[in-house]
Amino acid sequence: MAKRKSQKFTIERRQIGPTAERLAKAGDHFVVGDDKQGGRIYQFHDSSLDRLYSRLTKAAKSIASEHQLRREYIALQRYKHHWHHAGLQESVGSVDLNRVFASDPTSMSGMAKTEKQAHHRQQWRLAREKLGHKPGIVIDNFVCAGWGLDVAGVTLGYASAYRTRLAAQKVIRESATLLANLWGVG
């Protein structure tokens, strides 16, 4: 039997991460962290909520106003957390062309599937009831769906995009304070 030559393999180490274009598009809205294994973790703050509160925090004039902004941001993140874990986000489903298209009221497709989901739906409903109808729509559109201030604030009825953004921002800040008080975010 012939002896095989042992082969040496070299491991190529490359820095895998976002491209320069991606970093440029993100602007200052990302944080670079350490994965404690010699690599980097990039966390991008791309949502409308992240960008709004980043802007507001940079413009804050005192430590007390920064604390209030952080409190509001945490409350809105919690609202989004409950909305997401309640299973209320839209899903992309496929269509089976071979099935009969008829409603099935016994499948209870709108009901919570687990106890965890039921808990998060209860928390979301409690928050939504506290907010009211119009502010709830603005918060759902801005925080959960990730729409911009001008689109999320359309329900407020302003003709000017500038006034819509200002009114939406005011509603979001007031609603965030309500939610922070409801959940005891401090």
N, C-alpha and C. Protein backbone atom coordinates (compact mmCIF):
# COMPACT_ATOMS: atom_id res chain seq x y z
N MET A 1 0.82 -1.18 0.00
CA MET A 1 0.00 0.00 0.00
C MET A 1 0.87 1.25 0.00
N ALA A 2 0.50 2.19 -0.83
CA ALA A 2 1.27 3.43 -0.93
C ALA A 2 0.85 4.40 0.16
N LYS A 3 1.84 5.09 0.67
CA LYS A 3 1.56 6.10 1.71
C LYS A 3 1.04 7.37 1.07
N ARG A 4 0.05 7.93 1.69
CA ARG A 4 -0.49 9.21 1.22
C ARG A 4 0.29 10.35 1.83
N LYS A 5 0.50 11.35 1.06
CA LYS A 5 1.15 12.54 1.56
C LYS A 5 0.16 13.33 2.40
N SER A 6 0.59 13.79 3.54
CA SER A 6 -0.31 14.61 4.34
C SER A 6 -0.39 16.01 3.75
N GLN A 7 -1.58 16.52 3.71
CA GLN A 7 -1.80 17.84 3.14
C GLN A 7 -1.96 18.85 4.27
N LYS A 8 -1.40 20.01 4.07
CA LYS A 8 -1.55 21.07 5.05
C LYS A 8 -2.59 22.05 4.53
N PHE A 9 -3.52 22.38 5.38
CA PHE A 9 -4.56 23.33 5.02
C PHE A 9 -4.30 24.64 5.75
N THR A 10 -4.44 25.70 5.06
CA THR A 10 -4.33 27.00 5.70
C THR A 10 -5.74 27.58 5.82
N ILE A 11 -5.97 28.17 6.93
CA ILE A 11 -7.27 28.78 7.16
C ILE A 11 -7.15 30.27 6.86
N GLU A 12 -7.99 30.72 5.98
CA GLU A 12 -7.97 32.13 5.60
C GLU A 12 -8.86 32.90 6.56
N ARG A 13 -8.32 33.90 7.18
CA ARG A 13 -9.09 34.75 8.08
C ARG A 13 -9.45 36.03 7.35
N ARG A 14 -10.74 36.27 7.23
CA ARG A 14 -11.21 37.49 6.59
C ARG A 14 -12.13 38.20 7.55
N GLN A 15 -12.12 39.48 7.48
CA GLN A 15 -13.07 40.26 8.25
C GLN A 15 -14.37 40.31 7.45
N ILE A 16 -15.37 39.63 7.95
CA ILE A 16 -16.66 39.64 7.28
C ILE A 16 -17.53 40.67 7.99
N GLY A 17 -18.09 41.52 7.23
CA GLY A 17 -18.91 42.56 7.83
C GLY A 17 -19.62 43.33 6.75
N PRO A 18 -20.21 44.41 7.12
CA PRO A 18 -20.94 45.22 6.14
C PRO A 18 -19.99 45.89 5.16
N THR A 19 -20.50 46.16 3.99
CA THR A 19 -19.71 46.84 2.97
C THR A 19 -19.59 48.32 3.31
N ALA A 20 -18.67 48.97 2.64
CA ALA A 20 -18.49 50.41 2.86
C ALA A 20 -19.75 51.18 2.49
N GLU A 21 -20.45 50.72 1.45
CA GLU A 21 -21.69 51.39 1.04
C GLU A 21 -22.76 51.27 2.12
N ARG A 22 -22.83 50.09 2.75
CA ARG A 22 -23.82 49.87 3.80
C ARG A 22 -23.53 50.77 4.99
N LEU A 23 -22.27 50.87 5.36
CA LEU A 23 -21.89 51.74 6.48
C LEU A 23 -22.17 53.20 6.16
N ALA A 24 -21.92 53.58 4.90
CA ALA A 24 -22.18 54.97 4.50
C ALA A 24 -23.67 55.28 4.55
N LYS A 25 -24.48 54.33 4.12
CA LYS A 25 -25.94 54.53 4.12
C LYS A 25 -26.48 54.63 5.56
N ALA A 26 -25.87 53.89 6.47
CA ALA A 26 -26.31 53.91 7.86
C ALA A 26 -25.93 55.20 8.56
N GLY A 27 -24.91 55.88 8.06
CA GLY A 27 -24.48 57.13 8.70
C GLY A 27 -23.94 56.84 10.09
N ASP A 28 -24.44 57.55 11.09
CA ASP A 28 -24.01 57.34 12.47
C ASP A 28 -24.93 56.38 13.22
N HIS A 29 -25.81 55.72 12.51
CA HIS A 29 -26.84 54.91 13.17
C HIS A 29 -26.44 53.44 13.26
N PHE A 30 -25.24 53.17 13.76
CA PHE A 30 -24.85 51.79 14.02
C PHE A 30 -23.82 51.78 15.14
N VAL A 31 -23.71 50.62 15.80
CA VAL A 31 -22.76 50.43 16.89
C VAL A 31 -21.94 49.20 16.57
N VAL A 32 -20.64 49.28 16.80
CA VAL A 32 -19.77 48.13 16.59
C VAL A 32 -19.44 47.55 17.96
N GLY A 33 -19.72 46.27 18.11
CA GLY A 33 -19.44 45.59 19.37
C GLY A 33 -18.43 44.47 19.18
N ASP A 34 -18.12 43.80 20.26
CA ASP A 34 -17.15 42.71 20.25
C ASP A 34 -17.88 41.41 20.54
N ASP A 35 -17.60 40.37 19.74
CA ASP A 35 -18.25 39.08 19.98
C ASP A 35 -17.46 38.20 20.95
N LYS A 36 -16.36 38.73 21.51
CA LYS A 36 -15.50 38.05 22.48
C LYS A 36 -14.84 36.81 21.90
N GLN A 37 -14.75 36.76 20.58
CA GLN A 37 -14.04 35.67 19.91
C GLN A 37 -13.15 36.24 18.82
N GLY A 38 -12.81 37.47 18.95
CA GLY A 38 -11.92 38.09 17.97
C GLY A 38 -12.63 38.75 16.80
N GLY A 39 -13.93 38.78 16.82
CA GLY A 39 -14.70 39.36 15.72
C GLY A 39 -15.48 40.58 16.17
N ARG A 40 -16.15 41.16 15.23
CA ARG A 40 -16.97 42.34 15.51
C ARG A 40 -18.43 42.03 15.24
N ILE A 41 -19.28 42.70 15.99
CA ILE A 41 -20.72 42.60 15.77
C ILE A 41 -21.21 44.00 15.43
N TYR A 42 -21.90 44.12 14.32
CA TYR A 42 -22.46 45.39 13.90
C TYR A 42 -23.94 45.39 14.20
N GLN A 43 -24.39 46.38 14.93
CA GLN A 43 -25.81 46.51 15.23
C GLN A 43 -26.29 47.81 14.59
N PHE A 44 -27.16 47.67 13.60
CA PHE A 44 -27.66 48.83 12.87
C PHE A 44 -28.97 49.30 13.49
N HIS A 45 -29.11 50.61 13.57
CA HIS A 45 -30.33 51.23 14.09
C HIS A 45 -31.04 51.87 12.91
N ASP A 46 -31.72 51.03 12.14
CA ASP A 46 -32.33 51.48 10.90
C ASP A 46 -33.80 51.82 11.00
N SER A 47 -34.45 51.39 12.05
CA SER A 47 -35.89 51.62 12.12
C SER A 47 -36.19 53.10 12.33
N SER A 48 -37.38 53.49 11.99
CA SER A 48 -37.81 54.88 12.17
C SER A 48 -37.73 55.29 13.63
N LEU A 49 -38.08 54.37 14.51
CA LEU A 49 -38.04 54.64 15.95
C LEU A 49 -36.60 54.91 16.41
N ASP A 50 -35.67 54.07 15.99
CA ASP A 50 -34.27 54.25 16.37
C ASP A 50 -33.73 55.59 15.89
N ARG A 51 -34.04 55.93 14.65
CA ARG A 51 -33.52 57.18 14.09
C ARG A 51 -34.13 58.41 14.78
N LEU A 52 -35.43 58.35 15.06
CA LEU A 52 -36.08 59.49 15.73
C LEU A 52 -35.46 59.72 17.09
N TYR A 53 -35.35 58.68 17.90
CA TYR A 53 -34.85 58.85 19.26
C TYR A 53 -33.35 59.13 19.27
N SER A 54 -32.63 58.71 18.27
CA SER A 54 -31.22 59.08 18.15
C SER A 54 -31.10 60.58 17.90
N ARG A 55 -31.93 61.09 17.00
CA ARG A 55 -31.94 62.54 16.72
C ARG A 55 -32.35 63.35 17.95
N LEU A 56 -33.40 62.90 18.62
CA LEU A 56 -33.88 63.62 19.80
C LEU A 56 -32.85 63.62 20.93
N THR A 57 -32.17 62.49 21.11
CA THR A 57 -31.16 62.39 22.17
C THR A 57 -29.98 63.32 21.88
N LYS A 58 -29.57 63.41 20.62
CA LYS A 58 -28.47 64.31 20.26
C LYS A 58 -28.85 65.77 20.50
N ALA A 59 -30.12 66.10 20.34
CA ALA A 59 -30.58 67.48 20.52
C ALA A 59 -30.97 67.80 21.96
N ALA A 60 -30.95 66.78 22.84
CA ALA A 60 -31.36 67.00 24.23
C ALA A 60 -30.40 67.96 24.92
N LYS A 61 -30.96 68.84 25.73
CA LYS A 61 -30.16 69.89 26.37
C LYS A 61 -29.76 69.58 27.81
N SER A 62 -30.39 68.56 28.41
CA SER A 62 -30.05 68.24 29.79
C SER A 62 -30.07 66.73 30.01
N ILE A 63 -29.51 66.33 31.12
CA ILE A 63 -29.48 64.91 31.47
C ILE A 63 -30.89 64.41 31.77
N ALA A 64 -31.72 65.26 32.35
CA ALA A 64 -33.10 64.88 32.67
C ALA A 64 -33.90 64.61 31.40
N SER A 65 -33.69 65.44 30.37
CA SER A 65 -34.42 65.20 29.12
C SER A 65 -33.89 63.95 28.41
N GLU A 66 -32.59 63.66 28.52
CA GLU A 66 -32.04 62.42 27.97
C GLU A 66 -32.64 61.21 28.67
N HIS A 67 -32.78 61.31 29.99
CA HIS A 67 -33.38 60.22 30.76
C HIS A 67 -34.84 60.00 30.34
N GLN A 68 -35.57 61.08 30.14
CA GLN A 68 -36.96 60.97 29.70
C GLN A 68 -37.04 60.33 28.31
N LEU A 69 -36.15 60.72 27.42
CA LEU A 69 -36.13 60.13 26.07
C LEU A 69 -35.82 58.64 26.12
N ARG A 70 -34.87 58.27 26.96
CA ARG A 70 -34.53 56.84 27.10
C ARG A 70 -35.71 56.06 27.64
N ARG A 71 -36.42 56.67 28.58
CA ARG A 71 -37.62 56.05 29.17
C ARG A 71 -38.69 55.82 28.09
N GLU A 72 -38.93 56.84 27.26
CA GLU A 72 -39.91 56.74 26.19
C GLU A 72 -39.50 55.67 25.18
N TYR A 73 -38.24 55.66 24.82
CA TYR A 73 -37.73 54.69 23.84
C TYR A 73 -37.92 53.26 24.33
N ILE A 74 -37.60 53.02 25.60
CA ILE A 74 -37.76 51.68 26.17
C ILE A 74 -39.22 51.27 26.17
N ALA A 75 -40.12 52.20 26.51
CA ALA A 75 -41.55 51.90 26.52
C ALA A 75 -42.05 51.54 25.12
N LEU A 76 -41.61 52.28 24.11
CA LEU A 76 -42.03 51.97 22.74
C LEU A 76 -41.43 50.65 22.25
N GLN A 77 -40.21 50.34 22.67
CA GLN A 77 -39.62 49.05 22.32
C GLN A 77 -40.40 47.91 22.97
N ARG A 78 -40.86 48.13 24.19
CA ARG A 78 -41.65 47.11 24.87
C ARG A 78 -42.99 46.91 24.16
N TYR A 79 -43.58 48.01 23.71
CA TYR A 79 -44.83 47.92 22.95
C TYR A 79 -44.62 47.07 21.70
N LYS A 80 -43.52 47.33 20.98
CA LYS A 80 -43.21 46.56 19.78
C LYS A 80 -42.93 45.10 20.12
N HIS A 81 -42.28 44.87 21.23
CA HIS A 81 -41.99 43.50 21.68
C HIS A 81 -43.29 42.72 21.90
N HIS A 82 -44.24 43.34 22.61
CA HIS A 82 -45.52 42.67 22.84
C HIS A 82 -46.26 42.44 21.53
N TRP A 83 -46.26 43.42 20.65
CA TRP A 83 -46.93 43.29 19.35
C TRP A 83 -46.33 42.15 18.54
N HIS A 84 -45.01 42.08 18.51
CA HIS A 84 -44.33 41.04 17.72
C HIS A 84 -44.60 39.64 18.30
N HIS A 85 -44.42 39.50 19.62
CA HIS A 85 -44.59 38.19 20.24
C HIS A 85 -46.05 37.77 20.37
N ALA A 86 -46.96 38.71 20.15
CA ALA A 86 -48.38 38.36 20.12
C ALA A 86 -48.76 37.76 18.77
N GLY A 87 -47.85 37.80 17.82
CA GLY A 87 -48.12 37.24 16.49
C GLY A 87 -48.98 38.16 15.64
N LEU A 88 -48.91 39.46 15.87
CA LEU A 88 -49.76 40.40 15.16
C LEU A 88 -49.11 40.97 13.90
N GLN A 89 -47.84 40.67 13.68
CA GLN A 89 -47.19 41.17 12.47
C GLN A 89 -47.72 40.42 11.26
N GLU A 90 -47.68 41.12 10.13
CA GLU A 90 -48.18 40.49 8.92
C GLU A 90 -47.20 39.41 8.47
N SER A 91 -47.74 38.38 7.87
CA SER A 91 -46.89 37.28 7.43
C SER A 91 -47.05 37.09 5.93
N VAL A 92 -46.02 36.52 5.37
CA VAL A 92 -46.06 36.22 3.94
C VAL A 92 -46.38 34.73 3.83
N GLY A 93 -47.52 34.44 3.30
CA GLY A 93 -47.92 33.06 3.16
C GLY A 93 -47.97 32.64 1.71
N SER A 94 -47.96 31.35 1.52
CA SER A 94 -48.06 30.87 0.15
C SER A 94 -49.50 30.44 -0.13
N VAL A 95 -49.83 30.37 -1.37
CA VAL A 95 -51.18 30.01 -1.78
C VAL A 95 -51.14 28.60 -2.36
N ASP A 96 -52.00 27.74 -1.85
CA ASP A 96 -52.13 26.40 -2.40
C ASP A 96 -53.26 26.44 -3.42
N LEU A 97 -52.92 26.33 -4.67
CA LEU A 97 -53.92 26.45 -5.72
C LEU A 97 -54.83 25.22 -5.82
N ASN A 98 -54.47 24.14 -5.14
CA ASN A 98 -55.28 22.94 -5.19
C ASN A 98 -56.31 22.86 -4.08
N ARG A 99 -56.28 23.80 -3.15
CA ARG A 99 -57.23 23.71 -2.06
C ARG A 99 -58.51 24.47 -2.39
N VAL A 100 -59.56 24.16 -1.66
CA VAL A 100 -60.82 24.84 -1.82
C VAL A 100 -60.75 26.14 -1.02
N PHE A 101 -61.07 27.27 -1.65
CA PHE A 101 -61.00 28.55 -0.97
C PHE A 101 -62.31 28.80 -0.23
N ALA A 102 -62.29 28.44 1.05
CA ALA A 102 -63.45 28.66 1.90
C ALA A 102 -62.95 28.96 3.30
N SER A 103 -63.71 29.76 4.03
CA SER A 103 -63.29 30.08 5.40
C SER A 103 -63.52 28.87 6.29
N ASP A 104 -62.72 28.75 7.30
CA ASP A 104 -62.84 27.65 8.24
C ASP A 104 -62.94 28.24 9.65
N PRO A 105 -64.15 28.53 10.12
CA PRO A 105 -64.29 29.17 11.42
C PRO A 105 -63.82 28.31 12.59
N THR A 106 -63.71 27.01 12.41
CA THR A 106 -63.29 26.15 13.51
C THR A 106 -61.79 26.10 13.68
N SER A 107 -61.02 26.61 12.72
CA SER A 107 -59.56 26.56 12.86
C SER A 107 -59.05 27.63 13.83
N MET A 108 -59.88 28.62 14.14
CA MET A 108 -59.54 29.70 15.05
C MET A 108 -58.18 30.30 14.71
N SER A 109 -58.00 30.66 13.45
CA SER A 109 -56.71 31.16 12.99
C SER A 109 -56.36 32.51 13.60
N GLY A 110 -57.34 33.25 14.09
CA GLY A 110 -57.06 34.54 14.72
C GLY A 110 -56.74 34.44 16.20
N MET A 111 -56.88 33.27 16.77
CA MET A 111 -56.65 33.09 18.20
C MET A 111 -55.17 32.89 18.50
N ALA A 112 -54.79 33.19 19.73
CA ALA A 112 -53.42 32.95 20.17
C ALA A 112 -53.15 31.45 20.18
N LYS A 113 -51.97 31.08 19.73
CA LYS A 113 -51.64 29.66 19.63
C LYS A 113 -50.97 29.11 20.89
N THR A 114 -50.37 29.98 21.69
CA THR A 114 -49.70 29.54 22.91
C THR A 114 -50.08 30.48 24.05
N GLU A 115 -49.73 30.06 25.27
CA GLU A 115 -49.96 30.91 26.44
C GLU A 115 -49.11 32.17 26.37
N LYS A 116 -47.90 32.02 25.86
CA LYS A 116 -46.99 33.17 25.72
C LYS A 116 -47.61 34.20 24.78
N GLN A 117 -48.15 33.72 23.68
CA GLN A 117 -48.77 34.62 22.71
C GLN A 117 -50.00 35.29 23.32
N ALA A 118 -50.76 34.56 24.09
CA ALA A 118 -51.94 35.13 24.74
C ALA A 118 -51.54 36.21 25.73
N HIS A 119 -50.46 35.99 26.48
CA HIS A 119 -49.97 37.00 27.43
C HIS A 119 -49.57 38.28 26.69
N HIS A 120 -48.81 38.14 25.61
CA HIS A 120 -48.36 39.32 24.87
C HIS A 120 -49.53 40.05 24.22
N ARG A 121 -50.54 39.31 23.75
CA ARG A 121 -51.74 39.96 23.19
C ARG A 121 -52.48 40.74 24.26
N GLN A 122 -52.55 40.18 25.45
CA GLN A 122 -53.22 40.86 26.55
C GLN A 122 -52.48 42.15 26.90
N GLN A 123 -51.16 42.10 26.96
CA GLN A 123 -50.36 43.29 27.27
C GLN A 123 -50.50 44.34 26.17
N TRP A 124 -50.50 43.90 24.91
CA TRP A 124 -50.63 44.83 23.78
C TRP A 124 -52.01 45.48 23.79
N ARG A 125 -53.06 44.69 24.05
CA ARG A 125 -54.42 45.24 24.09
C ARG A 125 -54.58 46.25 25.22
N LEU A 126 -53.98 45.95 26.37
CA LEU A 126 -54.03 46.87 27.50
C LEU A 126 -53.36 48.20 27.13
N ALA A 127 -52.21 48.12 26.49
CA ALA A 127 -51.50 49.34 26.07
C ALA A 127 -52.30 50.08 25.01
N ARG A 128 -52.86 49.35 24.07
CA ARG A 128 -53.62 49.97 22.98
C ARG A 128 -54.87 50.67 23.51
N GLU A 129 -55.50 50.06 24.50
CA GLU A 129 -56.68 50.67 25.13
C GLU A 129 -56.28 51.96 25.86
N LYS A 130 -55.13 51.95 26.50
CA LYS A 130 -54.64 53.13 27.22
C LYS A 130 -54.31 54.27 26.25
N LEU A 131 -53.79 53.92 25.05
CA LEU A 131 -53.41 54.94 24.08
C LEU A 131 -54.61 55.63 23.44
N GLY A 132 -55.64 54.88 23.12
CA GLY A 132 -56.76 55.42 22.37
C GLY A 132 -56.66 55.05 20.90
N HIS A 133 -57.67 55.38 20.13
CA HIS A 133 -57.75 54.91 18.75
C HIS A 133 -56.74 55.56 17.82
N LYS A 134 -56.80 56.88 17.66
CA LYS A 134 -55.89 57.55 16.71
C LYS A 134 -54.42 57.44 17.11
N PRO A 135 -54.07 57.73 18.38
CA PRO A 135 -52.67 57.54 18.75
C PRO A 135 -52.21 56.09 18.58
N GLY A 136 -53.12 55.15 18.81
CA GLY A 136 -52.78 53.73 18.63
C GLY A 136 -52.43 53.42 17.18
N ILE A 137 -53.17 54.03 16.25
CA ILE A 137 -52.88 53.82 14.83
C ILE A 137 -51.51 54.41 14.49
N VAL A 138 -51.24 55.61 14.98
CA VAL A 138 -49.94 56.25 14.70
C VAL A 138 -48.80 55.41 15.28
N ILE A 139 -48.95 54.95 16.51
CA ILE A 139 -47.91 54.13 17.15
C ILE A 139 -47.72 52.81 16.42
N ASP A 140 -48.81 52.16 16.05
CA ASP A 140 -48.69 50.90 15.30
C ASP A 140 -47.97 51.11 13.97
N ASN A 141 -48.32 52.18 13.27
CA ASN A 141 -47.69 52.44 11.98
C ASN A 141 -46.22 52.82 12.12
N PHE A 142 -45.90 53.62 13.11
CA PHE A 142 -44.54 54.11 13.27
C PHE A 142 -43.63 53.07 13.93
N VAL A 143 -44.04 52.57 15.08
CA VAL A 143 -43.19 51.68 15.87
C VAL A 143 -43.20 50.25 15.32
N CYS A 144 -44.38 49.71 15.06
CA CYS A 144 -44.47 48.31 14.68
C CYS A 144 -44.23 48.08 13.19
N ALA A 145 -44.86 48.88 12.36
CA ALA A 145 -44.69 48.69 10.91
C ALA A 145 -43.43 49.37 10.39
N GLY A 146 -42.88 50.30 11.15
CA GLY A 146 -41.64 50.95 10.75
C GLY A 146 -41.80 52.02 9.69
N TRP A 147 -42.98 52.59 9.56
CA TRP A 147 -43.19 53.65 8.58
C TRP A 147 -42.60 54.95 9.10
N GLY A 148 -42.36 55.89 8.23
CA GLY A 148 -41.82 57.19 8.61
C GLY A 148 -42.86 58.03 9.31
N LEU A 149 -42.42 59.13 9.90
CA LEU A 149 -43.33 60.03 10.62
C LEU A 149 -44.42 60.58 9.72
N ASP A 150 -44.06 60.95 8.49
CA ASP A 150 -45.05 61.55 7.58
C ASP A 150 -46.13 60.56 7.19
N VAL A 151 -45.77 59.31 7.00
CA VAL A 151 -46.76 58.29 6.62
C VAL A 151 -47.57 57.85 7.83
N ALA A 152 -46.89 57.66 8.96
CA ALA A 152 -47.59 57.21 10.17
C ALA A 152 -48.57 58.26 10.67
N GLY A 153 -48.26 59.53 10.45
CA GLY A 153 -49.11 60.59 10.96
C GLY A 153 -50.24 61.01 10.05
N VAL A 154 -50.42 60.35 8.92
CA VAL A 154 -51.48 60.70 7.97
C VAL A 154 -52.86 60.66 8.63
N THR A 155 -53.06 59.76 9.55
CA THR A 155 -54.36 59.64 10.21
C THR A 155 -54.72 60.86 11.05
N LEU A 156 -53.75 61.72 11.30
CA LEU A 156 -54.01 62.91 12.11
C LEU A 156 -54.68 64.02 11.31
N GLY A 157 -54.66 63.91 9.97
CA GLY A 157 -55.46 64.80 9.13
C GLY A 157 -54.81 66.10 8.70
N TYR A 158 -53.51 66.22 8.74
CA TYR A 158 -52.85 67.44 8.28
C TYR A 158 -52.55 67.35 6.79
N ALA A 159 -52.65 68.48 6.10
CA ALA A 159 -52.38 68.51 4.67
C ALA A 159 -50.89 68.65 4.39
N SER A 160 -50.19 69.36 5.24
CA SER A 160 -48.76 69.59 5.06
C SER A 160 -47.95 68.43 5.62
N ALA A 161 -46.95 67.98 4.88
CA ALA A 161 -46.10 66.89 5.35
C ALA A 161 -45.30 67.32 6.58
N TYR A 162 -44.88 68.58 6.61
CA TYR A 162 -44.13 69.11 7.74
C TYR A 162 -44.98 69.07 9.02
N ARG A 163 -46.21 69.57 8.92
CA ARG A 163 -47.10 69.58 10.08
C ARG A 163 -47.48 68.16 10.50
N THR A 164 -47.61 67.27 9.52
CA THR A 164 -47.91 65.88 9.83
C THR A 164 -46.78 65.26 10.65
N ARG A 165 -45.53 65.53 10.25
CA ARG A 165 -44.38 64.99 10.99
C ARG A 165 -44.33 65.55 12.41
N LEU A 166 -44.56 66.86 12.53
CA LEU A 166 -44.55 67.46 13.87
C LEU A 166 -45.64 66.88 14.77
N ALA A 167 -46.85 66.75 14.21
CA ALA A 167 -47.97 66.23 14.99
C ALA A 167 -47.74 64.76 15.35
N ALA A 168 -47.21 63.99 14.41
CA ALA A 168 -46.94 62.57 14.68
C ALA A 168 -45.88 62.44 15.77
N GLN A 169 -44.85 63.26 15.71
CA GLN A 169 -43.81 63.21 16.73
C GLN A 169 -44.38 63.55 18.10
N LYS A 170 -45.26 64.54 18.15
CA LYS A 170 -45.89 64.92 19.42
C LYS A 170 -46.74 63.77 19.96
N VAL A 171 -47.53 63.14 19.09
CA VAL A 171 -48.37 62.00 19.51
C VAL A 171 -47.51 60.84 19.99
N ILE A 172 -46.41 60.58 19.29
CA ILE A 172 -45.52 59.49 19.67
C ILE A 172 -44.90 59.74 21.03
N ARG A 173 -44.43 60.95 21.26
CA ARG A 173 -43.80 61.27 22.55
C ARG A 173 -44.82 61.17 23.69
N GLU A 174 -46.04 61.71 23.47
CA GLU A 174 -47.07 61.63 24.52
C GLU A 174 -47.47 60.18 24.79
N SER A 175 -47.62 59.41 23.73
CA SER A 175 -47.99 58.00 23.88
C SER A 175 -46.89 57.22 24.58
N ALA A 176 -45.64 57.53 24.26
CA ALA A 176 -44.51 56.85 24.89
C ALA A 176 -44.49 57.13 26.39
N THR A 177 -44.80 58.35 26.78
CA THR A 177 -44.86 58.69 28.21
C THR A 177 -45.98 57.93 28.89
N LEU A 178 -47.14 57.83 28.23
CA LEU A 178 -48.25 57.04 28.78
C LEU A 178 -47.84 55.58 28.99
N LEU A 179 -47.17 55.01 27.99
CA LEU A 179 -46.76 53.61 28.07
C LEU A 179 -45.70 53.41 29.14
N ALA A 180 -44.78 54.35 29.26
CA ALA A 180 -43.74 54.26 30.30
C ALA A 180 -44.38 54.30 31.69
N ASN A 181 -45.39 55.13 31.87
CA ASN A 181 -46.09 55.16 33.16
C ASN A 181 -46.89 53.89 33.40
N LEU A 182 -47.50 53.35 32.34
CA LEU A 182 -48.28 52.12 32.45
C LEU A 182 -47.43 50.95 32.90
N TRP A 183 -46.24 50.82 32.30
CA TRP A 183 -45.37 49.67 32.59
C TRP A 183 -44.32 49.96 33.66
N GLY A 184 -44.31 51.16 34.19
CA GLY A 184 -43.37 51.49 35.25
C GLY A 184 -41.92 51.55 34.78
N VAL A 185 -41.73 52.01 33.55
CA VAL A 185 -40.36 52.15 33.04
C VAL A 185 -39.75 53.35 33.72
N GLY A 186 -38.60 53.17 34.35
CA GLY A 186 -38.09 54.27 35.11
C GLY A 186 -36.70 54.59 34.84
